[in-house]
Amino acid sequence: MKVACVGGGPAGLYLSILLKRQDPSHDVTVYERDPEGSTYGWGVTYWQGLLDRLRARDPESARAIEEHSVRWNQGVAHVRDRATRRPGDEGHGIGRHQLLEILAARARALGVRLEYEHEITADALPDADLVVAGDGVHSALRSGRADRFGAELRPGRNSYVWLGTTKVFDSFTFAFVETEHGWIWCYGYPFSTERSTCVIECAPETRTGLGLDEGSEADGLARLEKLFAHILDGHPLIGRAPAGGGAQWLTFRTLTNRAWYHDNLVLLGDAAHTTHYSIGAGTTLALEDAMALADALSQDAALPQALARYEGERRSALLSSQSAARYSAQWYENLTRYIHLPPDRMFALLGQRHSPLLPYVPPQLYYRLDRAAGQLEALRRLKRWLGPKIARSAHTRALSARK
């Protein structure tokens, strides 16, 4: 099979690796419009389950990824002048640049052609049996057939900015700061022995009130460094990713598509779907897309059946992550509902932000129910049953209200 992967992100590179491992005779080329080594962002997160799946698929790249990752097994939340720590599952962080370097080297070693500074447009697709659109949320290939894919982008409410820092956090760190214009908060996590990612978020009126929507980038970073001085310990915030380009305040947009493939063109990763950054699953889901597509292509000789299998399996697999991301984003958009709880309770509910039941139960009552559910199996089963039921009813009412 001749395969053209458009977009040199983790999904496209990993798919090329898997296809070459399945059959070295596959002719696989990855096209990336930017120069090699040029990438946006800082670090990405993943969890042990992904690492186990990577080991099963390609032990060599998995070993390199693990060796270049840092780990943590607890979280800390700073609220005003108090800090609360909680143990958690082991998390991993790796620099996005480092991850792409590992995957590109492995792909080359297997015989994949990597064509950097080579832009592919929707009206001039490569001559291939399969063209994979892994060119991100603003996919040019998908947009060129917009009527076929039916993409829908739903904007969230809050503003956020993706920054780096030389402060190396020892755990996944949350910090919530109250200002006269409302709350502003950050998520910080290490991705190397020298750097951490620091995502800062707030409501749009808070951003405007603090003057973060005007002035130079340096002025904005200086304001943010003062607000989060208690966790930065004198380290700077860095507004330019290694590839250059100023840090921008954004509004997260959730992408869905009515269809994931048309003829021999198939969507992968962020071109197919996005999930809110607060659950830290974007890279994991993109790599899992690559695994599912490689499996489908190996199981079905006919391309249409293989692509239908891939779409069906991934749509089903994504449901829980998409639900978790939706409720996580809503938790932060309704932060004032939880922030005035005692810090340990607020942090406990922060860990429960994926729950479809939480938005419909008073926070203090939910906390007590959750504590009791940890002791009583019957109550635990009731909670698991009741949450989705209430969420579906509320969703139905919301849809009816729009009509």
Protein backbone atom coordinates (compact mmCIF):
# COMPACT_ATOMS: atom_id res chain seq x y z
CA MET A 1 0.00 0.00 0.00
CA LYS A 2 1.15 3.53 -0.76
CA VAL A 3 0.31 5.86 2.14
CA ALA A 4 0.75 9.63 2.43
CA CYS A 5 0.53 11.07 5.96
CA VAL A 6 -0.02 14.81 5.85
CA GLY A 7 1.17 16.42 9.08
CA GLY A 8 4.32 15.49 10.99
CA GLY A 9 2.79 15.42 14.47
CA PRO A 10 2.81 12.44 16.85
CA ALA A 11 -0.19 10.76 15.21
CA GLY A 12 1.13 10.82 11.64
CA LEU A 13 4.65 9.78 12.63
CA TYR A 14 3.47 6.94 14.85
CA LEU A 15 1.08 5.65 12.19
CA SER A 16 3.97 5.53 9.72
CA ILE A 17 6.00 3.51 12.24
CA LEU A 18 3.20 1.01 12.81
CA LEU A 19 2.51 0.55 9.10
CA LYS A 20 6.17 -0.11 8.35
CA ARG A 21 6.40 -2.60 11.21
CA GLN A 22 3.33 -4.42 9.91
CA ASP A 23 4.66 -4.63 6.36
CA PRO A 24 8.04 -3.17 5.34
CA SER A 25 6.88 -3.15 1.71
CA HIS A 26 4.37 -0.38 2.45
CA ASP A 27 5.43 2.86 0.73
CA VAL A 28 4.92 5.49 3.45
CA THR A 29 5.70 9.21 3.26
CA VAL A 30 5.08 11.84 5.93
CA TYR A 31 4.67 15.42 4.66
CA GLU A 32 5.18 18.33 7.07
CA ARG A 33 4.90 21.96 5.97
CA ASP A 34 7.25 23.32 8.67
CA PRO A 35 11.02 22.78 8.92
CA GLU A 36 12.28 19.78 10.87
CA GLY A 37 12.67 20.59 14.55
CA SER A 38 10.10 23.34 14.37
CA THR A 39 7.14 22.73 16.65
CA TYR A 40 4.72 24.60 18.87
CA GLY A 41 4.03 23.94 22.51
CA TRP A 42 6.13 22.84 25.43
CA GLY A 43 5.53 19.53 27.15
CA VAL A 44 2.83 16.88 26.81
CA THR A 45 1.47 14.52 29.44
CA TYR A 46 0.57 10.87 29.33
CA TRP A 47 -0.15 8.04 31.77
CA GLN A 48 1.12 4.53 32.37
CA GLY A 49 -1.61 2.90 30.29
CA LEU A 50 -0.39 4.61 27.13
CA LEU A 51 3.20 3.61 27.80
CA ASP A 52 2.13 -0.03 28.16
CA ARG A 53 0.34 0.13 24.79
CA LEU A 54 3.35 1.78 23.15
CA ARG A 55 5.61 -1.00 24.45
CA ALA A 56 3.31 -3.62 22.98
CA ARG A 57 3.30 -1.90 19.55
CA ASP A 58 6.90 -0.78 19.13
CA PRO A 59 9.21 -1.46 22.09
CA GLU A 60 12.08 0.55 20.63
CA SER A 61 10.27 3.91 20.38
CA ALA A 62 8.50 3.25 23.69
CA ARG A 63 11.84 2.73 25.40
CA ALA A 64 13.18 6.01 24.06
CA ILE A 65 10.03 7.89 25.07
CA GLU A 66 10.19 6.49 28.61
CA GLU A 67 13.89 7.32 28.96
CA HIS A 68 13.28 10.96 28.02
CA SER A 69 10.21 11.44 30.24
CA VAL A 70 9.90 12.76 33.76
CA ARG A 71 7.39 11.39 36.29
CA TRP A 72 5.24 12.48 39.20
CA ASN A 73 2.80 10.67 41.46
CA GLN A 74 1.03 13.43 43.34
CA GLY A 75 -0.74 16.72 42.83
CA VAL A 76 -0.65 19.95 44.78
CA ALA A 77 -3.26 22.72 44.77
CA HIS A 78 -2.44 26.24 45.98
CA VAL A 79 -5.49 28.31 46.94
CA ARG A 80 -4.70 31.77 48.25
CA ASP A 81 -2.00 31.11 50.89
CA ARG A 82 -2.75 27.44 51.51
CA ALA A 83 -1.48 24.33 49.74
CA THR A 84 -2.98 20.84 49.73
CA ARG A 85 -1.27 17.71 48.42
CA ARG A 86 -2.90 14.48 47.26
CA PRO A 87 -1.35 11.25 45.98
CA GLY A 88 -2.37 10.15 42.50
CA ASP A 89 -1.59 7.87 39.59
CA GLU A 90 1.88 8.14 38.10
CA GLY A 91 1.96 10.74 35.37
CA HIS A 92 4.61 11.30 32.71
CA GLY A 93 5.77 14.43 30.91
CA ILE A 94 7.94 14.77 27.81
CA GLY A 95 8.84 17.74 25.66
CA ARG A 96 6.85 17.86 22.45
CA HIS A 97 10.05 18.57 20.50
CA GLN A 98 11.73 15.54 22.11
CA LEU A 99 8.74 13.28 21.36
CA LEU A 100 8.70 14.28 17.69
CA GLU A 101 12.45 13.80 17.42
CA ILE A 102 12.17 10.25 18.79
CA LEU A 103 9.29 9.31 16.48
CA ALA A 104 10.93 10.86 13.41
CA ALA A 105 14.19 8.99 14.01
CA ARG A 106 12.35 5.70 14.47
CA ALA A 107 10.25 6.27 11.33
CA ARG A 108 13.38 6.98 9.26
CA ALA A 109 15.09 3.88 10.60
CA LEU A 110 12.15 1.80 9.36
CA GLY A 111 12.27 3.30 5.88
CA VAL A 112 9.61 6.03 6.09
CA ARG A 113 10.28 9.08 3.91
CA LEU A 114 9.96 12.36 5.83
CA GLU A 115 9.37 15.40 3.63
CA TYR A 116 9.72 18.62 5.68
CA GLU A 117 8.85 22.07 4.33
CA HIS A 118 6.46 20.36 1.94
CA GLU A 119 2.92 21.71 2.17
CA ILE A 120 0.05 19.62 0.83
CA THR A 121 -3.17 21.37 -0.20
CA ALA A 122 -6.69 20.02 -0.54
CA ASP A 123 -6.74 20.54 -4.30
CA ALA A 124 -3.45 18.70 -4.88
CA LEU A 125 -3.51 15.52 -2.80
CA PRO A 126 -0.58 13.11 -3.11
CA ASP A 127 -0.91 10.16 -5.45
CA ALA A 128 -1.46 7.40 -2.88
CA ASP A 129 -3.81 4.55 -2.01
CA LEU A 130 -4.51 6.25 1.32
CA VAL A 131 -4.10 9.89 2.32
CA VAL A 132 -4.11 10.55 6.07
CA ALA A 133 -5.06 14.06 7.20
CA GLY A 134 -3.11 14.52 10.40
CA ASP A 135 -2.74 18.25 9.86
CA GLY A 136 -4.40 19.45 13.06
CA VAL A 137 -7.58 21.14 14.20
CA HIS A 138 -7.45 23.62 11.30
CA SER A 139 -6.86 20.80 8.80
CA ALA A 140 -6.60 22.17 5.26
CA LEU A 141 -7.38 18.75 3.82
CA ARG A 142 -10.57 18.43 5.85
CA SER A 143 -11.61 21.99 5.09
CA GLY A 144 -11.19 21.32 1.39
CA ARG A 145 -14.01 18.75 1.66
CA ALA A 146 -16.00 20.48 4.36
CA ASP A 147 -19.34 19.26 3.04
CA ARG A 148 -18.19 15.64 3.28
CA PHE A 149 -16.74 15.74 6.80
CA GLY A 150 -19.21 18.10 8.49
CA ALA A 151 -16.81 19.60 11.04
CA GLU A 152 -18.30 21.50 13.98
CA LEU A 153 -16.28 23.72 16.32
CA ARG A 154 -17.83 24.66 19.68
CA PRO A 155 -15.94 27.38 21.57
CA GLY A 156 -15.56 27.26 25.31
CA ARG A 157 -15.85 30.30 27.54
CA ASN A 158 -12.49 30.75 29.23
CA SER A 159 -9.25 32.20 27.86
CA TYR A 160 -5.93 30.39 28.21
CA VAL A 161 -2.29 30.79 27.30
CA TRP A 162 0.34 28.04 26.93
CA LEU A 163 3.69 28.99 28.52
CA GLY A 164 6.95 27.47 29.64
CA THR A 165 9.05 28.06 32.75
CA THR A 166 12.46 27.11 34.10
CA LYS A 167 10.77 26.19 37.38
CA VAL A 168 10.75 22.38 37.53
CA PHE A 169 7.66 21.37 39.47
CA ASP A 170 7.93 18.24 41.62
CA SER A 171 4.27 17.31 41.04
CA PHE A 172 1.28 18.26 38.93
CA THR A 173 0.66 21.74 40.29
CA PHE A 174 -2.50 23.82 40.39
CA ALA A 175 -2.52 27.40 41.64
CA PHE A 176 -5.66 29.52 42.04
CA VAL A 177 -5.20 33.25 42.59
CA GLU A 178 -8.01 35.66 43.51
CA THR A 179 -7.79 39.15 42.04
CA GLU A 180 -10.12 42.14 42.13
CA HIS A 181 -11.21 41.09 38.63
CA GLY A 182 -11.90 37.44 39.45
CA TRP A 183 -9.95 34.21 39.71
CA ILE A 184 -7.00 33.22 37.53
CA TRP A 185 -5.29 29.84 37.76
CA CYS A 186 -2.60 27.69 36.25
CA TYR A 187 -1.76 24.05 35.62
CA GLY A 188 1.96 23.31 35.85
CA TYR A 189 3.85 20.09 35.21
CA PRO A 190 7.47 19.16 34.41
CA PHE A 191 8.48 17.76 31.04
CA SER A 192 12.27 17.61 31.47
CA THR A 193 14.86 18.10 34.19
CA GLU A 194 15.09 21.77 33.17
CA ARG A 195 11.63 22.95 32.12
CA SER A 196 7.93 22.78 32.94
CA THR A 197 4.76 23.65 31.10
CA CYS A 198 2.53 26.29 32.68
CA VAL A 199 -0.98 26.74 31.25
CA ILE A 200 -2.77 29.80 32.62
CA GLU A 201 -6.54 30.18 32.37
CA CYS A 202 -9.19 32.68 33.43
CA ALA A 203 -12.58 34.02 32.46
CA PRO A 204 -12.47 36.57 29.61
CA GLU A 205 -13.59 39.42 31.88
CA THR A 206 -10.74 38.61 34.29
CA ARG A 207 -8.22 38.69 31.46
CA THR A 208 -9.56 42.09 30.33
CA GLY A 209 -9.68 43.47 33.86
CA LEU A 210 -6.06 42.49 34.50
CA GLY A 211 -4.98 44.16 31.26
CA LEU A 212 -3.72 40.89 29.79
CA ASP A 213 -5.48 41.63 26.50
CA GLU A 214 -3.32 44.67 25.79
CA GLY A 215 0.27 45.76 25.91
CA SER A 216 3.36 43.79 24.95
CA GLU A 217 3.99 40.13 25.57
CA ALA A 218 6.74 41.06 28.04
CA ASP A 219 4.32 43.21 30.04
CA GLY A 220 1.78 40.39 30.18
CA LEU A 221 4.38 37.87 31.33
CA ALA A 222 5.57 40.25 34.03
CA ARG A 223 1.99 40.56 35.37
CA LEU A 224 1.55 36.80 35.36
CA GLU A 225 4.90 36.25 37.10
CA LYS A 226 3.77 38.51 39.94
CA LEU A 227 0.43 36.72 40.26
CA PHE A 228 2.08 33.29 40.42
CA ALA A 229 5.31 34.26 42.19
CA HIS A 230 4.48 31.92 45.10
CA ILE A 231 4.83 28.82 42.89
CA LEU A 232 7.49 30.06 40.46
CA ASP A 233 10.10 30.71 43.18
CA GLY A 234 11.76 33.46 41.16
CA HIS A 235 11.76 31.57 37.87
CA PRO A 236 10.49 33.33 34.74
CA LEU A 237 7.56 32.44 32.55
CA ILE A 238 8.63 31.95 28.96
CA GLY A 239 6.29 33.17 26.27
CA ARG A 240 8.08 31.85 23.25
CA ALA A 241 8.07 28.18 22.43
CA PRO A 242 11.41 26.82 21.17
CA ALA A 243 10.25 27.20 17.56
CA GLY A 244 9.46 30.89 18.05
CA GLY A 245 6.23 32.80 17.81
CA GLY A 246 4.71 34.84 20.60
CA ALA A 247 2.44 33.29 23.21
CA GLN A 248 -1.20 33.90 22.38
CA TRP A 249 -4.31 33.91 24.53
CA LEU A 250 -6.77 31.46 23.01
CA THR A 251 -10.25 30.07 23.53
CA PHE A 252 -10.38 26.30 23.36
CA ARG A 253 -12.66 24.91 20.67
CA THR A 254 -14.03 21.39 20.76
CA LEU A 255 -13.97 19.82 17.30
CA THR A 256 -16.25 17.02 16.12
CA ASN A 257 -16.85 15.66 12.62
CA ARG A 258 -19.93 14.05 11.12
CA ALA A 259 -17.67 11.69 9.12
CA TRP A 260 -14.02 10.74 9.54
CA TYR A 261 -13.26 9.58 6.01
CA HIS A 262 -14.25 10.18 2.41
CA ASP A 263 -12.97 8.07 -0.47
CA ASN A 264 -9.29 7.46 0.37
CA LEU A 265 -8.89 10.48 2.70
CA VAL A 266 -9.12 9.80 6.45
CA LEU A 267 -8.83 12.08 9.50
CA LEU A 268 -6.41 11.43 12.35
CA GLY A 269 -5.80 13.09 15.72
CA ASP A 270 -6.79 16.75 16.12
CA ALA A 271 -8.07 16.85 12.55
CA ALA A 272 -10.78 14.41 13.66
CA HIS A 273 -11.49 15.50 17.25
CA THR A 274 -10.26 17.62 20.13
CA THR A 275 -10.71 17.25 23.89
CA HIS A 276 -10.19 20.02 26.43
CA TYR A 277 -6.56 20.35 27.54
CA SER A 278 -7.50 20.13 31.23
CA ILE A 279 -7.69 16.31 31.03
CA GLY A 280 -4.23 16.07 29.42
CA ALA A 281 -5.28 13.48 26.85
CA GLY A 282 -4.70 15.09 23.45
CA THR A 283 -1.44 13.33 22.55
CA THR A 284 -2.63 10.03 24.00
CA LEU A 285 -5.81 10.07 21.92
CA ALA A 286 -3.88 10.98 18.77
CA LEU A 287 -1.49 8.05 19.26
CA GLU A 288 -4.42 5.74 19.96
CA ASP A 289 -6.01 6.89 16.69
CA ALA A 290 -2.83 5.80 14.92
CA MET A 291 -2.96 2.39 16.61
CA ALA A 292 -6.62 1.88 15.67
CA LEU A 293 -6.10 2.92 12.05
CA ALA A 294 -3.08 0.63 11.67
CA ASP A 295 -5.09 -2.26 13.14
CA ALA A 296 -8.06 -1.63 10.87
CA LEU A 297 -5.85 -1.52 7.78
CA SER A 298 -4.25 -4.85 8.74
CA GLN A 299 -7.60 -6.54 9.43
CA ASP A 300 -9.56 -5.46 6.33
CA ALA A 301 -8.12 -5.80 2.86
CA ALA A 302 -10.77 -3.48 1.39
CA LEU A 303 -10.03 0.16 2.20
CA PRO A 304 -13.66 1.32 2.69
CA GLN A 305 -14.32 -1.43 5.25
CA ALA A 306 -11.04 -0.70 7.04
CA LEU A 307 -11.81 3.02 7.32
CA ALA A 308 -15.37 2.30 8.51
CA ARG A 309 -13.96 -0.04 11.17
CA TYR A 310 -11.48 2.62 12.30
CA GLU A 311 -14.13 5.33 12.54
CA GLY A 312 -16.57 3.15 14.44
CA GLU A 313 -14.03 1.91 16.94
CA ARG A 314 -12.57 5.33 17.67
CA ARG A 315 -15.92 7.07 17.96
CA SER A 316 -16.93 4.51 20.57
CA ALA A 317 -13.60 4.63 22.41
CA LEU A 318 -13.64 8.44 22.57
CA LEU A 319 -17.02 8.77 24.29
CA SER A 320 -15.68 8.54 27.83
CA SER A 321 -12.78 10.94 27.16
CA GLN A 322 -15.04 13.46 25.44
CA SER A 323 -17.48 13.33 28.34
CA ALA A 324 -14.67 13.76 30.87
CA ALA A 325 -13.25 16.70 28.91
CA ARG A 326 -16.63 18.41 28.65
CA TYR A 327 -17.29 18.20 32.40
CA SER A 328 -13.71 19.15 33.23
CA ALA A 329 -13.98 22.34 31.16
CA GLN A 330 -17.32 23.14 32.80
CA TRP A 331 -15.80 22.69 36.26
CA TYR A 332 -13.28 25.44 35.57
CA GLU A 333 -15.88 27.64 33.89
CA ASN A 334 -17.89 27.39 37.13
CA LEU A 335 -14.91 27.64 39.47
CA THR A 336 -16.67 29.93 41.96
CA ARG A 337 -19.05 27.07 42.76
CA TYR A 338 -16.13 25.16 44.34
CA ILE A 339 -13.30 27.54 45.16
CA HIS A 340 -14.65 28.69 48.52
CA LEU A 341 -14.76 25.17 49.96
CA PRO A 342 -12.02 24.20 52.42
CA PRO A 343 -8.91 23.59 50.27
CA ASP A 344 -8.81 19.84 50.88
CA ARG A 345 -12.46 19.48 49.80
CA MET A 346 -12.01 21.76 46.82
CA PHE A 347 -9.02 19.66 45.71
CA ALA A 348 -11.02 16.46 46.19
CA LEU A 349 -13.76 17.81 43.91
CA LEU A 350 -11.14 19.01 41.44
CA GLY A 351 -10.20 15.35 41.15
CA GLN A 352 -13.88 14.52 40.58
CA ARG A 353 -14.42 17.19 37.90
CA HIS A 354 -15.03 14.54 35.20
CA SER A 355 -18.16 13.33 37.00
CA PRO A 356 -21.49 13.91 35.19
CA LEU A 357 -23.20 13.98 38.60
CA LEU A 358 -21.11 16.74 40.21
CA PRO A 359 -22.70 19.74 38.40
CA TYR A 360 -26.17 18.74 39.69
CA VAL A 361 -25.38 18.10 43.36
CA PRO A 362 -24.40 20.78 45.92
CA PRO A 363 -20.61 20.55 46.28
CA GLN A 364 -20.57 19.88 50.03
CA LEU A 365 -23.19 17.14 49.63
CA TYR A 366 -21.29 15.60 46.71
CA TYR A 367 -18.12 15.55 48.80
CA ARG A 368 -19.88 13.71 51.61
CA LEU A 369 -21.51 11.28 49.17
CA ASP A 370 -18.18 10.60 47.51
CA ARG A 371 -16.54 9.91 50.86
CA ALA A 372 -19.37 7.57 51.82
CA ALA A 373 -19.24 5.85 48.41
CA GLY A 374 -15.65 4.96 49.14
CA GLN A 375 -16.92 2.86 52.03
CA LEU A 376 -20.21 1.46 50.67
CA GLU A 377 -20.36 -0.57 47.45
CA ALA A 378 -24.11 -0.06 47.05
CA LEU A 379 -23.72 3.72 47.18
CA ARG A 380 -20.83 3.52 44.74
CA ARG A 381 -23.04 1.65 42.25
CA LEU A 382 -25.85 4.19 42.74
CA LYS A 383 -23.45 7.05 42.03
CA ARG A 384 -22.21 5.40 38.82
CA TRP A 385 -25.79 4.80 37.65
CA LEU A 386 -27.26 8.15 38.68
CA GLY A 387 -24.58 10.45 37.21
CA PRO A 388 -25.04 9.59 33.49
CA LYS A 389 -28.84 9.44 33.93
CA ILE A 390 -29.03 12.98 35.33
CA ALA A 391 -26.54 14.24 32.74
CA ARG A 392 -28.56 12.80 29.84
CA SER A 393 -31.76 14.37 31.18
CA ALA A 394 -30.08 17.75 31.52
CA HIS A 395 -28.60 17.46 28.03
CA THR A 396 -32.02 16.64 26.57
CA ARG A 397 -33.57 19.64 28.30
CA ALA A 398 -30.79 21.90 27.01
CA LEU A 399 -31.33 20.71 23.43
CA SER A 400 -35.09 21.25 23.75
CA ALA A 401 -34.53 24.78 25.03
CA ARG A 402 -32.50 25.66 21.91
CA LYS A 403 -35.35 24.72 19.56
